[in-house]
Amino acid sequence: MVLAPSTRPRAVLAALVVGTTASNLAGAIFLYLLMRYALSPAVNDFAAGHLPQFLGVVAASAVLLIVGTLWIAWPVIRWQRAAPGVGGRPAQSAVRRRVIRMPIAQAILVGALWVVCGVPVVWEGTRISAGMGSVVTLAVILGGIASAALTYFEAERFLRPATTALLDGTILAQVFTPGVRQRILTAWLLGTGIPVLGILMVAADVGLADDVGRPADIRPAVITLSVAGLVLGAFTTWLAAGAVGDPIRALQRGMQQVRRGDLTAQVTVYDTTELGELQMGFNGMVAGLAERRRLREMFGRFVGEDVARRALERGTDLGGEEHQVAVLFVDLVGSTTITDRSGPREVVGMLNEFFDAVIRVVDAHGGFVNKFQGDATLAVFGAPIDHGDSCSSALAAARELRPILTGIVGRSGMGIGVSAGTAVAGHVGGADRMEYTVIGTPVNEAARLTELAKNEPTRTLASSTVWDAASADERARWRAGDAVLLRGRTETTRLMRPEE
């Protein structure tokens, strides 16, 4: 009997009782009809003469089956009442093991009931003759095996919600459950093995027939068993295919989500076989990918996307490479005074707005902000990724930043310095702690120009070196000034100012 799995405790219990009882009742009725109408006349007469005993055995087995199912399922039902969901009260190990073993326990219970209740029937058959006893024994064995196997598949389906809640994304070790191979072999046994054994039973039953030579005596039994084999085989194959296919389809849907970039994809872990290991492994893999993405995003925020990408692709060996770069340095004026006047929280808010503007403009022109130094910012164009026109981009970024930053800092003011030249860009530090930085003359020169720019009306100065390497269109937006000797330099630097 096929019922849809439910998440309610009473519904799970009712499904277990009704499904198991109905499946076994159907098996018992089929077995009786087979013995009553499809086998030899001797077996037909035996079945007809023992109908009351048969009904009594079926009724007793139904009662015992209901009681046994309640006894097996009650600890789990009690837990589920107290914690109706995955987020409820954690299950004790004994309860978790009970629900994992419940399908096989139900199958064992059914098989045991067939043995116990089949003993009187076999005894009656043996009293008639040894041959009759053999046929009845084989019939009871086949019926018990078929009913137990069907019970396992149905119990596994019904208990998926409880299994999901109890496993909570993990699989208990050292708990025996039938694996994928055993499930497929069980489906073969139900669909092929038992019908073939039934046909062999018919062949053995021929010895009890009154007229052995007439093919019509065994034809109904063979036809009945063949049809039953087709129906039972299709049904059990459908159950086994669902037990194997459902987890695989869930994994397939999860992989499609991951392929689309959704790293929140998770599959429900309810299977305790190798498929459950795959479910749990998939969830762990996706969680690892999500964590790696978060770390990469955080890494990119701290050091810049280009630096992060380069580090992931090439590693983070200490050292550096020479690059032709343009450097833009921005420094705020009087941050200490601002702190005394406005308070730390207001200053932090203003600095974040200040830095955010620098990042947006620098990114728009193809550079990257290498570091924040207190209230100053160092931006680089041309490292770690080469830039086609780093000098023009740095100068354009400086011109664009001036009115934006002036609107943010107001009367406090700031200075912007731009330079260019050869610098070494790479990782410096130690084996356990390092950072990506740019070292060289253009960095020092840009910092010195920033100090001078704080006293300039334009708040922006550039060196003639960066101006000479820029495009004609960008050079036209700057005007030349005097040559000055910057602090720490041995050669003079010609100052360039943006046009007002």
Protein backbone atom coordinates (compact mmCIF):
# COMPACT_ATOMS: atom_id res chain seq x y z
CA MET A 1 0.00 0.00 0.00
CA VAL A 2 1.54 3.32 -1.11
CA LEU A 3 1.08 6.36 1.12
CA ALA A 4 2.82 9.72 0.93
CA PRO A 5 5.34 10.42 3.71
CA SER A 6 4.16 12.88 6.37
CA THR A 7 5.93 15.11 8.86
CA ARG A 8 3.32 14.83 11.67
CA PRO A 9 4.05 12.24 14.40
CA ARG A 10 0.56 10.75 14.39
CA ALA A 11 0.51 10.63 10.61
CA VAL A 12 3.88 8.85 10.56
CA LEU A 13 2.67 6.29 13.09
CA ALA A 14 -0.62 5.79 11.23
CA ALA A 15 1.20 5.36 7.93
CA LEU A 16 3.53 2.78 9.45
CA VAL A 17 0.68 0.78 10.99
CA VAL A 18 -1.70 1.02 8.03
CA GLY A 19 0.95 0.52 5.37
CA THR A 20 2.62 -2.44 7.06
CA THR A 21 -0.67 -4.12 7.98
CA ALA A 22 -2.20 -3.61 4.55
CA SER A 23 0.88 -4.93 2.75
CA ASN A 24 0.98 -8.05 4.89
CA LEU A 25 -2.78 -8.59 4.60
CA ALA A 26 -2.52 -8.32 0.82
CA GLY A 27 0.33 -10.84 0.85
CA ALA A 28 -1.63 -13.26 3.01
CA ILE A 29 -4.75 -12.98 0.82
CA PHE A 30 -2.72 -13.53 -2.34
CA LEU A 31 -1.05 -16.55 -0.81
CA TYR A 32 -4.41 -18.03 0.22
CA LEU A 33 -5.96 -17.44 -3.21
CA LEU A 34 -2.92 -19.03 -4.85
CA MET A 35 -3.24 -22.12 -2.68
CA ARG A 36 -7.03 -22.18 -3.01
CA TYR A 37 -7.39 -21.86 -6.78
CA ALA A 38 -4.05 -22.03 -8.62
CA LEU A 39 -2.22 -25.08 -7.24
CA SER A 40 -3.10 -28.74 -7.30
CA PRO A 41 -6.52 -30.00 -6.19
CA ALA A 42 -4.99 -31.39 -3.01
CA VAL A 43 -3.64 -27.97 -2.03
CA ASN A 44 -6.93 -26.37 -3.12
CA ASP A 45 -8.84 -28.66 -0.78
CA PHE A 46 -6.39 -28.02 2.03
CA ALA A 47 -6.84 -24.23 1.70
CA ALA A 48 -10.63 -24.51 1.52
CA GLY A 49 -10.78 -26.75 4.57
CA HIS A 50 -8.61 -24.47 6.69
CA LEU A 51 -10.17 -21.08 5.92
CA PRO A 52 -11.24 -20.44 9.56
CA GLN A 53 -7.75 -21.21 10.81
CA PHE A 54 -6.31 -18.98 8.08
CA LEU A 55 -8.54 -16.06 9.09
CA GLY A 56 -7.64 -16.55 12.74
CA VAL A 57 -3.94 -16.55 11.97
CA VAL A 58 -4.30 -13.39 9.83
CA ALA A 59 -6.24 -11.59 12.59
CA ALA A 60 -3.73 -12.59 15.25
CA SER A 61 -0.80 -11.54 13.09
CA ALA A 62 -2.45 -8.16 12.41
CA VAL A 63 -2.85 -7.50 16.12
CA LEU A 64 0.71 -8.57 16.86
CA LEU A 65 1.98 -6.45 13.97
CA ILE A 66 0.21 -3.33 15.26
CA VAL A 67 1.51 -3.87 18.79
CA GLY A 68 5.03 -4.54 17.54
CA THR A 69 5.01 -1.46 15.30
CA LEU A 70 3.89 0.73 18.20
CA TRP A 71 6.62 -0.71 20.41
CA ILE A 72 9.30 -0.08 17.77
CA ALA A 73 8.11 3.41 16.81
CA TRP A 74 7.02 4.81 20.16
CA PRO A 75 10.39 6.30 21.32
CA VAL A 76 10.70 8.13 18.02
CA ILE A 77 7.10 9.34 18.04
CA ARG A 78 7.56 10.57 21.62
CA TRP A 79 10.67 12.49 20.63
CA GLN A 80 8.99 13.97 17.57
CA ARG A 81 6.08 15.18 19.66
CA ALA A 82 8.51 17.02 21.92
CA ALA A 83 10.63 18.36 19.04
CA PRO A 84 8.52 18.57 15.86
CA GLY A 85 11.24 19.59 13.46
CA VAL A 86 14.93 19.77 12.81
CA GLY A 87 15.32 22.77 15.04
CA GLY A 88 13.63 21.17 18.05
CA ARG A 89 15.04 19.32 21.02
CA PRO A 90 18.16 17.33 20.08
CA ALA A 91 17.57 13.60 19.92
CA GLN A 92 19.44 11.20 22.16
CA SER A 93 21.74 8.74 20.46
CA ALA A 94 19.42 5.84 21.30
CA VAL A 95 16.48 7.54 19.58
CA ARG A 96 18.57 8.33 16.53
CA ARG A 97 19.75 4.75 16.27
CA ARG A 98 16.19 3.50 16.74
CA VAL A 99 14.81 5.51 13.83
CA ILE A 100 17.70 4.55 11.57
CA ARG A 101 17.17 0.87 12.35
CA MET A 102 13.37 1.08 12.24
CA PRO A 103 12.85 -0.03 8.60
CA ILE A 104 14.98 -3.14 9.10
CA ALA A 105 13.34 -3.71 12.50
CA GLN A 106 9.91 -3.58 10.86
CA ALA A 107 11.04 -6.06 8.23
CA ILE A 108 12.39 -8.42 10.90
CA LEU A 109 9.14 -8.10 12.85
CA VAL A 110 7.09 -9.02 9.77
CA GLY A 111 9.35 -11.96 8.97
CA ALA A 112 9.15 -13.22 12.55
CA LEU A 113 5.33 -12.98 12.52
CA TRP A 114 5.17 -15.00 9.32
CA VAL A 115 7.34 -17.67 10.91
CA VAL A 116 5.31 -17.76 14.14
CA CYS A 117 1.90 -17.63 12.47
CA GLY A 118 2.97 -19.96 9.68
CA VAL A 119 3.92 -22.78 12.05
CA PRO A 120 0.28 -23.92 12.65
CA VAL A 121 -0.44 -23.84 8.92
CA VAL A 122 2.67 -25.85 8.10
CA TRP A 123 1.83 -28.30 10.89
CA GLU A 124 -1.62 -28.90 9.42
CA GLY A 125 -0.13 -29.47 5.99
CA THR A 126 2.48 -31.88 7.33
CA ARG A 127 -0.25 -33.91 9.08
CA ILE A 128 -1.80 -34.56 5.65
CA SER A 129 1.45 -35.55 3.95
CA ALA A 130 5.11 -34.68 3.76
CA GLY A 131 4.65 -33.30 0.25
CA MET A 132 1.81 -31.07 1.38
CA GLY A 133 3.93 -29.83 4.27
CA SER A 134 6.78 -29.00 1.88
CA VAL A 135 4.53 -27.00 -0.45
CA VAL A 136 2.88 -25.09 2.41
CA THR A 137 6.27 -24.40 4.02
CA LEU A 138 7.67 -22.99 0.78
CA ALA A 139 4.55 -20.87 0.29
CA VAL A 140 4.82 -19.41 3.80
CA ILE A 141 8.54 -18.69 3.36
CA LEU A 142 8.00 -16.91 0.04
CA GLY A 143 5.11 -14.90 1.47
CA GLY A 144 7.15 -13.90 4.51
CA ILE A 145 10.14 -12.80 2.45
CA ALA A 146 7.99 -10.76 0.07
CA SER A 147 6.07 -9.08 2.90
CA ALA A 148 9.22 -8.29 4.89
CA ALA A 149 10.94 -6.74 1.86
CA LEU A 150 7.92 -4.64 0.96
CA THR A 151 7.64 -3.51 4.57
CA TYR A 152 11.26 -2.33 4.56
CA PHE A 153 10.82 -0.20 1.44
CA GLU A 154 7.58 1.37 2.69
CA ALA A 155 8.92 2.03 6.20
CA GLU A 156 11.97 3.72 4.71
CA ARG A 157 9.70 6.09 2.77
CA PHE A 158 7.39 6.85 5.68
CA LEU A 159 10.26 7.59 8.05
CA ARG A 160 12.14 10.06 5.85
CA PRO A 161 10.86 13.16 7.74
CA ALA A 162 11.80 11.65 11.10
CA THR A 163 15.16 10.50 9.72
CA THR A 164 15.84 14.00 8.40
CA ALA A 165 15.09 15.57 11.78
CA LEU A 166 17.12 13.04 13.73
CA LEU A 167 20.17 12.93 11.51
CA ASP A 168 20.32 16.74 11.31
CA GLY A 169 22.86 16.65 8.49
CA THR A 170 25.06 13.87 9.92
CA ILE A 171 25.23 10.10 9.66
CA LEU A 172 25.76 7.84 12.65
CA ALA A 173 28.71 5.51 12.37
CA GLN A 174 28.56 1.84 13.32
CA VAL A 175 24.83 1.54 12.61
CA PHE A 176 24.08 -1.22 10.13
CA THR A 177 21.57 -0.40 7.41
CA PRO A 178 21.12 -2.06 4.01
CA GLY A 179 23.11 -0.28 1.34
CA VAL A 180 22.31 0.45 -2.29
CA ARG A 181 23.44 -3.01 -3.41
CA GLN A 182 21.26 -4.74 -0.83
CA ARG A 183 18.26 -2.64 -1.88
CA ILE A 184 18.68 -3.57 -5.52
CA LEU A 185 19.15 -7.24 -4.67
CA THR A 186 15.98 -7.11 -2.56
CA ALA A 187 14.06 -5.62 -5.47
CA TRP A 188 15.38 -8.41 -7.70
CA LEU A 189 14.35 -11.00 -5.11
CA LEU A 190 10.81 -9.64 -5.00
CA GLY A 191 10.43 -9.14 -8.73
CA THR A 192 12.26 -12.20 -10.03
CA GLY A 193 13.49 -14.53 -7.31
CA ILE A 194 10.20 -15.14 -5.50
CA PRO A 195 8.09 -15.67 -8.67
CA VAL A 196 10.66 -18.14 -10.00
CA LEU A 197 10.72 -19.96 -6.66
CA GLY A 198 6.93 -19.97 -6.79
CA ILE A 199 7.01 -21.67 -10.16
CA LEU A 200 9.40 -24.22 -8.69
CA MET A 201 6.87 -24.69 -5.89
CA VAL A 202 4.23 -25.43 -8.53
CA ALA A 203 6.54 -27.96 -10.09
CA ALA A 204 6.97 -29.63 -6.70
CA ASP A 205 3.20 -29.51 -6.22
CA VAL A 206 2.65 -31.53 -9.40
CA GLY A 207 3.46 -34.63 -7.40
CA LEU A 208 0.34 -34.02 -5.32
CA ALA A 209 -1.95 -33.69 -8.36
CA ASP A 210 -4.39 -36.39 -9.25
CA ASP A 211 -3.78 -36.04 -12.98
CA VAL A 212 -0.15 -35.20 -13.47
CA GLY A 213 -0.13 -35.65 -17.19
CA ARG A 214 -2.49 -32.79 -17.99
CA PRO A 215 -0.75 -29.46 -18.58
CA ALA A 216 -3.91 -27.59 -17.57
CA ASP A 217 -3.27 -28.57 -13.96
CA ILE A 218 -0.25 -26.27 -13.58
CA ARG A 219 -1.04 -23.65 -16.22
CA PRO A 220 -3.20 -21.43 -13.92
CA ALA A 221 -0.53 -21.42 -11.23
CA VAL A 222 2.25 -20.56 -13.67
CA ILE A 223 0.19 -17.79 -15.25
CA THR A 224 -0.80 -16.41 -11.85
CA LEU A 225 2.76 -16.40 -10.57
CA SER A 226 4.05 -14.84 -13.79
CA VAL A 227 1.50 -12.02 -13.64
CA ALA A 228 2.18 -11.56 -9.93
CA GLY A 229 5.90 -11.43 -10.68
CA LEU A 230 5.36 -8.71 -13.29
CA VAL A 231 3.18 -6.61 -10.99
CA LEU A 232 5.27 -7.16 -7.87
CA GLY A 233 8.47 -6.65 -9.82
CA ALA A 234 7.27 -3.33 -11.25
CA PHE A 235 6.11 -2.15 -7.83
CA THR A 236 9.26 -3.13 -5.95
CA THR A 237 11.49 -1.79 -8.71
CA TRP A 238 9.60 1.50 -8.46
CA LEU A 239 10.19 1.56 -4.69
CA ALA A 240 13.87 0.67 -5.03
CA ALA A 241 14.35 3.18 -7.85
CA GLY A 242 12.77 5.86 -5.68
CA ALA A 243 15.01 4.96 -2.75
CA VAL A 244 18.06 5.36 -4.99
CA GLY A 245 16.80 7.97 -7.46
CA ASP A 246 15.27 10.50 -5.06
CA PRO A 247 18.58 11.34 -3.32
CA ILE A 248 20.37 11.47 -6.67
CA ARG A 249 17.77 13.86 -8.13
CA ALA A 250 18.09 16.05 -5.03
CA LEU A 251 21.87 16.12 -5.52
CA GLN A 252 21.37 16.94 -9.20
CA ARG A 253 19.14 19.90 -8.33
CA GLY A 254 21.70 21.04 -5.76
CA MET A 255 24.53 20.87 -8.30
CA GLN A 256 22.49 22.92 -10.77
CA GLN A 257 22.07 25.58 -8.08
CA VAL A 258 25.82 25.58 -7.44
CA ARG A 259 26.49 25.77 -11.18
CA ARG A 260 24.34 28.93 -11.28
CA GLY A 261 26.45 30.39 -8.48
CA ASP A 262 24.05 29.74 -5.61
CA LEU A 263 26.24 28.49 -2.77
CA THR A 264 23.35 28.37 -0.32
CA ALA A 265 22.23 25.08 -1.91
CA GLN A 266 21.79 22.24 0.58
CA VAL A 267 20.21 18.80 0.23
CA THR A 268 18.25 17.08 2.97
CA VAL A 269 20.18 14.20 4.57
CA TYR A 270 17.69 11.39 5.17
CA ASP A 271 19.39 8.36 3.64
CA THR A 272 21.66 6.20 5.80
CA THR A 273 23.38 4.36 2.94
CA GLU A 274 26.19 5.44 0.65
CA LEU A 275 23.70 7.94 -0.78
CA GLY A 276 23.48 9.59 2.63
CA GLU A 277 27.25 9.94 2.62
CA LEU A 278 26.94 11.67 -0.77
CA GLN A 279 24.22 13.98 0.58
CA MET A 280 26.33 14.90 3.60
CA GLY A 281 29.46 15.25 1.46
CA PHE A 282 27.67 17.56 -0.98
CA ASN A 283 26.52 19.81 1.85
CA GLY A 284 30.03 19.91 3.28
CA MET A 285 31.52 20.67 -0.14
CA VAL A 286 29.08 23.53 -0.80
CA ALA A 287 29.67 24.92 2.69
CA GLY A 288 33.40 24.86 1.98
CA LEU A 289 32.90 26.64 -1.35
CA ALA A 290 30.73 29.27 0.34
CA GLU A 291 33.34 29.81 3.04
CA ARG A 292 36.05 30.08 0.40
CA ARG A 293 33.96 32.68 -1.46
CA ARG A 294 33.44 34.66 1.75
CA LEU A 295 37.15 34.53 2.53
CA ARG A 296 37.98 35.61 -1.01
CA GLU A 297 35.52 38.50 -0.79
CA MET A 298 36.96 39.53 2.58
CA PHE A 299 40.49 39.12 1.22
CA GLY A 300 39.54 41.28 -1.75
CA ARG A 301 38.10 43.97 0.50
CA PHE A 302 41.25 44.08 2.59
CA VAL A 303 43.89 43.95 -0.15
CA GLY A 304 41.96 44.67 -3.37
CA GLU A 305 40.37 42.36 -5.92
CA ASP A 306 43.38 42.34 -8.25
CA VAL A 307 45.81 41.49 -5.46
CA ALA A 308 43.49 38.81 -4.11
CA ARG A 309 43.03 37.24 -7.54
CA ARG A 310 46.77 37.29 -8.21
CA ALA A 311 47.53 35.75 -4.80
CA LEU A 312 45.03 32.93 -5.39
CA GLU A 313 46.42 32.24 -8.85
CA ARG A 314 50.16 32.57 -8.19
CA GLY A 315 50.58 32.25 -4.44
CA THR A 316 51.95 34.68 -1.90
CA ASP A 317 55.71 34.26 -2.00
CA LEU A 318 57.69 37.05 -0.38
CA GLY A 319 59.37 39.40 -2.83
CA GLY A 320 58.26 41.65 -5.65
CA GLU A 321 58.45 42.62 -9.30
CA GLU A 322 59.30 45.90 -10.98
CA HIS A 323 56.40 47.74 -12.56
CA GLN A 324 55.95 51.05 -14.31
CA VAL A 325 53.31 52.61 -12.10
CA ALA A 326 51.50 55.82 -11.39
CA VAL A 327 50.86 56.56 -7.73
CA LEU A 328 48.11 58.71 -6.24
CA PHE A 329 48.37 59.74 -2.60
CA VAL A 330 45.54 61.43 -0.68
CA ASP A 331 45.92 62.81 2.85
CA LEU A 332 43.42 64.57 5.09
CA VAL A 333 44.39 67.79 6.86
CA GLY A 334 43.92 68.19 10.61
CA SER A 335 42.26 64.89 11.51
CA THR A 336 43.36 65.30 15.14
CA THR A 337 41.58 68.65 15.36
CA ILE A 338 38.48 67.11 13.82
CA THR A 339 38.53 64.35 16.44
CA ASP A 340 38.74 66.85 19.28
CA ARG A 341 35.91 68.90 17.81
CA SER A 342 33.50 66.18 16.62
CA GLY A 343 34.31 63.01 18.54
CA PRO A 344 35.71 59.65 17.39
CA ARG A 345 32.44 58.24 16.00
CA GLU A 346 31.80 61.24 13.76
CA VAL A 347 35.41 61.15 12.54
CA VAL A 348 35.17 57.45 11.69
CA GLY A 349 31.97 58.08 9.76
CA MET A 350 33.57 60.93 7.83
CA LEU A 351 36.71 58.88 7.12
CA ASN A 352 34.63 56.00 5.80
CA GLU A 353 32.81 58.37 3.45
CA PHE A 354 36.18 59.88 2.46
CA PHE A 355 37.77 56.51 1.73
CA ASP A 356 34.68 55.21 -0.06
CA ALA A 357 34.85 58.12 -2.50
CA VAL A 358 38.55 57.44 -3.15
CA ILE A 359 37.89 53.74 -3.76
CA ARG A 360 35.04 54.39 -6.20
CA VAL A 361 36.97 56.92 -8.27
CA VAL A 362 40.20 54.92 -8.32
CA ASP A 363 38.36 51.74 -9.31
CA ALA A 364 36.54 53.60 -12.08
CA HIS A 365 39.91 54.58 -13.58
CA GLY A 366 41.45 51.11 -13.37
CA GLY A 367 43.60 51.53 -10.27
CA PHE A 368 43.43 49.92 -6.87
CA VAL A 369 43.68 51.32 -3.36
CA ASN A 370 46.72 49.63 -1.88
CA LYS A 371 46.38 50.74 1.73
CA PHE A 372 44.91 53.13 4.24
CA GLN A 373 47.41 54.85 6.51
CA GLY A 374 45.47 56.58 9.27
CA ASP A 375 43.72 59.37 7.38
CA ALA A 376 45.74 58.88 4.17
CA THR A 377 45.23 56.63 1.16
CA LEU A 378 47.70 55.16 -1.32
CA ALA A 379 46.36 54.18 -4.76
CA VAL A 380 48.38 52.48 -7.50
CA PHE A 381 47.83 52.32 -11.26
CA GLY A 382 49.78 49.63 -13.13
CA ALA A 383 50.35 47.00 -10.42
CA PRO A 384 49.72 44.20 -9.80
CA ILE A 385 47.81 44.27 -13.12
CA ASP A 386 49.42 46.19 -15.96
CA HIS A 387 47.55 49.31 -17.04
CA GLY A 388 47.48 50.57 -20.61
CA ASP A 389 47.67 54.24 -19.64
CA SER A 390 48.35 54.43 -15.93
CA CYS A 391 49.57 58.03 -15.91
CA SER A 392 46.52 59.46 -17.67
CA SER A 393 44.21 57.47 -15.40
CA ALA A 394 45.97 58.62 -12.23
CA LEU A 395 45.82 62.27 -13.29
CA ALA A 396 42.15 61.98 -14.28
CA ALA A 397 41.33 60.33 -10.96
CA ALA A 398 43.09 63.13 -9.07
CA ARG A 399 41.08 65.80 -10.93
CA GLU A 400 37.81 63.96 -10.31
CA LEU A 401 38.55 63.41 -6.63
CA ARG A 402 39.30 67.04 -5.80
CA PRO A 403 35.70 68.42 -5.84
CA ILE A 404 34.25 65.22 -4.36
CA LEU A 405 36.61 65.15 -1.39
CA THR A 406 36.30 68.88 -0.85
CA GLY A 407 32.57 68.40 -0.45
CA ILE A 408 33.17 65.70 2.16
CA VAL A 409 35.91 67.23 4.32
CA GLY A 410 34.78 70.86 3.93
CA ARG A 411 37.04 73.39 5.62
CA SER A 412 39.38 70.70 6.96
CA GLY A 413 40.97 70.30 3.58
CA MET A 414 43.16 67.63 2.10
CA GLY A 415 46.05 67.14 -0.30
CA ILE A 416 46.41 65.00 -3.44
CA GLY A 417 49.77 64.07 -4.94
CA VAL A 418 50.46 62.15 -8.16
CA SER A 419 53.74 60.72 -9.41
CA ALA A 420 55.00 57.97 -11.70
CA GLY A 421 58.04 55.81 -12.28
CA THR A 422 59.51 52.40 -11.61
CA ALA A 423 58.50 50.70 -8.36
CA VAL A 424 58.72 47.25 -6.81
CA ALA A 425 55.32 45.71 -6.09
CA GLY A 426 54.96 42.50 -4.09
CA HIS A 427 54.47 40.85 -0.73
CA VAL A 428 56.56 41.95 2.23
CA GLY A 429 56.55 40.70 5.80
CA GLY A 430 57.17 37.25 7.27
CA ALA A 431 56.01 33.70 6.65
CA ASP A 432 53.02 34.12 8.97
CA ARG A 433 52.11 37.74 8.30
CA MET A 434 52.52 39.70 5.08
CA GLU A 435 50.93 42.40 2.97
CA TYR A 436 51.04 43.57 -0.61
CA THR A 437 52.76 46.91 -1.02
CA VAL A 438 54.46 49.16 -3.57
CA ILE A 439 57.91 50.57 -2.78
CA GLY A 440 59.91 53.07 -4.81
CA THR A 441 60.60 56.65 -5.78
CA PRO A 442 57.11 57.41 -7.16
CA VAL A 443 55.53 56.48 -3.82
CA ASN A 444 57.85 58.77 -1.86
CA GLU A 445 57.46 61.58 -4.37
CA ALA A 446 53.64 61.35 -4.33
CA ALA A 447 53.66 61.55 -0.51
CA ARG A 448 55.89 64.67 -0.58
CA LEU A 449 53.68 66.29 -3.24
CA THR A 450 50.67 65.67 -1.02
CA GLU A 451 52.27 67.63 1.81
CA LEU A 452 52.82 70.58 -0.52
CA ALA A 453 49.33 70.28 -2.02
CA LYS A 454 47.69 70.88 1.36
CA ASN A 455 48.78 74.53 1.06
CA GLU A 456 47.81 74.86 -2.61
CA PRO A 457 44.53 76.47 -3.73
CA THR A 458 43.90 73.46 -6.00
CA ARG A 459 44.80 70.98 -3.24
CA THR A 460 46.32 68.84 -6.02
CA LEU A 461 49.88 68.52 -7.37
CA ALA A 462 51.52 66.16 -9.84
CA SER A 463 55.08 65.63 -10.98
CA SER A 464 56.19 66.42 -14.51
CA THR A 465 57.20 62.76 -14.83
CA VAL A 466 53.60 61.54 -14.69
CA TRP A 467 52.46 64.48 -16.84
CA ASP A 468 55.03 63.69 -19.57
CA ALA A 469 53.78 60.07 -19.82
CA ALA A 470 50.08 61.00 -19.99
CA SER A 471 47.96 61.39 -23.10
CA ALA A 472 47.79 64.73 -24.92
CA ASP A 473 44.19 65.21 -23.88
CA GLU A 474 45.03 64.75 -20.22
CA ARG A 475 48.16 66.95 -20.41
CA ALA A 476 46.02 69.77 -21.72
CA ARG A 477 44.10 69.78 -18.45
CA TRP A 478 47.22 70.59 -16.40
CA ARG A 479 49.57 73.56 -16.28
CA ALA A 480 53.25 73.62 -15.41
CA GLY A 481 54.66 75.32 -12.34
CA ASP A 482 58.01 75.83 -10.65
CA ALA A 483 60.61 73.16 -9.99
CA VAL A 484 61.12 72.42 -6.30
CA LEU A 485 63.39 70.19 -4.27
CA LEU A 486 61.21 67.82 -2.29
CA ARG A 487 62.25 66.62 1.14
CA GLY A 488 64.44 63.53 0.88
CA ARG A 489 65.11 64.00 -2.87
CA THR A 490 68.39 64.95 -4.57
CA GLU A 491 66.79 66.16 -7.81
CA THR A 492 64.21 68.86 -8.32
CA THR A 493 60.64 68.07 -9.29
CA ARG A 494 58.59 70.28 -11.62
CA LEU A 495 55.12 70.79 -10.21
CA MET A 496 51.99 70.36 -12.32
CA ARG A 497 48.64 71.83 -11.25
CA PRO A 498 45.18 71.07 -12.61
CA GLU A 499 43.47 73.84 -14.55
CA GLU A 500 40.92 75.70 -12.46
